Protein backbone atom coordinates (compact mmCIF):
# COMPACT_ATOMS: atom_id res chain seq x y z
CA MET A 1 -32.77 6.91 32.17
CA LYS A 2 -28.94 7.12 33.40
CA LYS A 3 -28.13 4.27 31.49
CA ILE A 4 -29.71 5.50 28.21
CA ILE A 5 -27.72 8.90 28.61
CA ILE A 6 -24.60 7.08 29.42
CA LEU A 7 -24.98 4.58 26.27
CA PHE A 8 -25.70 7.63 24.29
CA ILE A 9 -22.54 9.45 25.30
CA ALA A 10 -20.21 6.30 24.78
CA LEU A 11 -21.99 6.25 21.21
CA ILE A 12 -21.00 9.56 20.42
CA SER A 13 -17.59 9.51 21.77
CA ALA A 14 -16.89 6.30 19.83
CA THR A 15 -18.09 7.68 16.75
CA SER A 16 -16.10 10.94 17.09
CA LEU A 17 -13.06 8.57 17.88
CA PHE A 18 -13.59 6.51 14.72
CA ALA A 19 -14.06 9.74 12.63
CA GLN A 20 -10.87 11.40 13.80
CA SER A 21 -8.78 8.10 13.46
CA SER A 22 -10.15 7.40 9.83
CA LYS A 23 -8.87 11.09 8.83
CA LYS A 24 -5.19 10.53 9.80
CA PRO A 25 -3.05 9.02 7.38
CA VAL A 26 -1.90 5.42 7.99
CA THR A 27 1.81 3.87 7.62
CA ILE A 28 2.13 0.45 6.43
CA LYS A 29 5.05 -1.88 5.25
CA ILE A 30 4.55 -4.37 2.57
CA TYR A 31 6.69 -6.90 0.55
CA VAL A 32 7.21 -6.10 -3.17
CA ALA A 33 9.37 -8.27 -5.06
CA GLY A 34 11.94 -6.26 -7.20
CA ILE A 35 15.80 -6.93 -8.26
CA CYS A 36 17.23 -3.65 -9.33
CA GLY A 37 17.02 0.05 -9.28
CA MET A 38 14.56 0.16 -12.07
CA CYS A 39 12.31 -1.89 -10.26
CA GLU A 40 12.47 0.62 -7.24
CA THR A 41 11.57 3.63 -9.61
CA GLN A 42 8.55 1.60 -11.04
CA ILE A 43 7.13 0.71 -7.70
CA GLU A 44 7.61 4.06 -6.29
CA LYS A 45 6.00 5.52 -9.52
CA ALA A 46 3.09 3.09 -8.76
CA LEU A 47 2.57 4.45 -5.29
CA ASP A 48 2.61 8.20 -6.65
CA THR A 49 -1.35 8.31 -6.81
CA LYS A 50 -4.08 10.19 -5.01
CA GLY A 51 -4.25 9.38 -1.30
CA VAL A 52 -0.51 8.38 -0.92
CA VAL A 53 1.08 10.73 1.28
CA ALA A 54 4.73 9.15 0.97
CA ALA A 55 6.07 6.13 -0.54
CA ASP A 56 9.46 4.41 -0.24
CA TYR A 57 10.77 1.11 -1.63
CA ASP A 58 13.77 -0.44 -0.12
CA LEU A 59 15.53 -2.57 -2.52
CA GLU A 60 17.77 -4.28 -0.08
CA SER A 61 14.77 -5.49 2.20
CA ASN A 62 12.10 -5.54 -0.69
CA ILE A 63 9.90 -3.56 1.75
CA ALA A 64 7.90 -0.58 0.72
CA THR A 65 6.94 1.81 3.56
CA ILE A 66 3.93 3.55 2.49
CA THR A 67 1.93 6.48 4.35
CA TYR A 68 -1.53 6.89 2.79
CA LYS A 69 -5.07 8.37 3.65
CA PRO A 70 -7.69 5.20 4.29
CA LYS A 71 -10.33 7.74 3.26
CA LYS A 72 -8.90 8.41 -0.16
CA ILE A 73 -7.17 5.06 -1.00
CA SER A 74 -7.42 1.42 0.51
CA GLU A 75 -4.66 -0.88 1.27
CA ASP A 76 -6.09 -3.32 -1.31
CA GLN A 77 -6.05 -0.57 -4.07
CA LEU A 78 -2.14 0.02 -3.07
CA HIS A 79 -1.22 -3.73 -3.85
CA ASN A 80 -3.39 -3.47 -6.99
CA ALA A 81 -1.51 -0.42 -8.02
CA ILE A 82 2.06 -2.20 -7.61
CA ASN A 83 0.56 -5.43 -9.30
CA GLU A 84 -0.65 -3.15 -12.32
CA MET A 85 3.16 -2.05 -12.79
CA GLY A 86 3.88 -6.09 -12.79
CA TYR A 87 5.39 -6.56 -9.54
CA ASP A 88 4.24 -9.25 -6.93
CA THR A 89 3.36 -8.12 -3.23
CA ASP A 90 2.99 -10.33 -0.12
CA LYS A 91 -0.82 -10.00 -0.48
CA SER A 92 -1.27 -10.32 -4.13
CA LYS A 93 0.43 -11.52 -7.33
CA ALA A 94 0.65 -9.60 -10.99
CA SER A 95 -1.14 -11.60 -13.40
CA ASP A 96 1.10 -12.93 -16.24
CA GLU A 97 -0.05 -10.01 -18.45
CA GLN A 98 0.93 -7.48 -15.79
CA TYR A 99 4.52 -9.23 -15.40
CA SER A 100 4.86 -9.05 -19.12
CA ARG A 101 5.01 -5.31 -18.79
CA VAL A 102 8.12 -5.26 -16.63
CA HIS A 103 11.30 -4.36 -18.36
CA ASP A 104 13.64 -7.38 -19.24
CA CYS A 105 16.30 -6.58 -16.63
CA CYS A 106 13.57 -6.57 -13.81
CA LYS A 107 11.89 -9.99 -14.55
CA TYR A 108 12.33 -10.83 -10.86
CA ARG A 109 10.63 -14.42 -11.19
CA GLU A 110 13.45 -15.18 -13.54
CA GLN A 111 16.58 -13.58 -12.26
CA GLU A 112 18.34 -12.82 -8.96
CA LYS A 113 19.10 -9.28 -7.72
CA HIS A 114 21.42 -7.37 -9.26
C-alpha cells in the first residue's frame, strides 16, 4: 500500500511539473539564411505571430533568437513560417516557389551578404 501511495504522489508531482513547464515560454536560437536588412525585416515579420513572445534576427550571425509559447506554436511551425517568407533555416529549406517570393536583393542562394 505504501508503494502505491508513493507512486501516486510521484505521478501527481511529475504531472504538475510537466504542466507548469509547458506553460512557460521557451527561447531557442535557429540559423536562418539572410543577406541584408530587408531579409532581417522579413524574417522578423514572419515570426510576428500568435505564440511568439519575442523574436530578433541577427544578420551578422544569421541567428534568430525566438521566445515562444509551446502550447500556442511549435518549433516546426516557426521554421515553416520562416520558410513561407522564402528563407531557409537549419531544419528546413524553403521550396523554390517560396524562395521566388523574396526580393531580388535578398536572393541569398545566389548572392553574398551586402
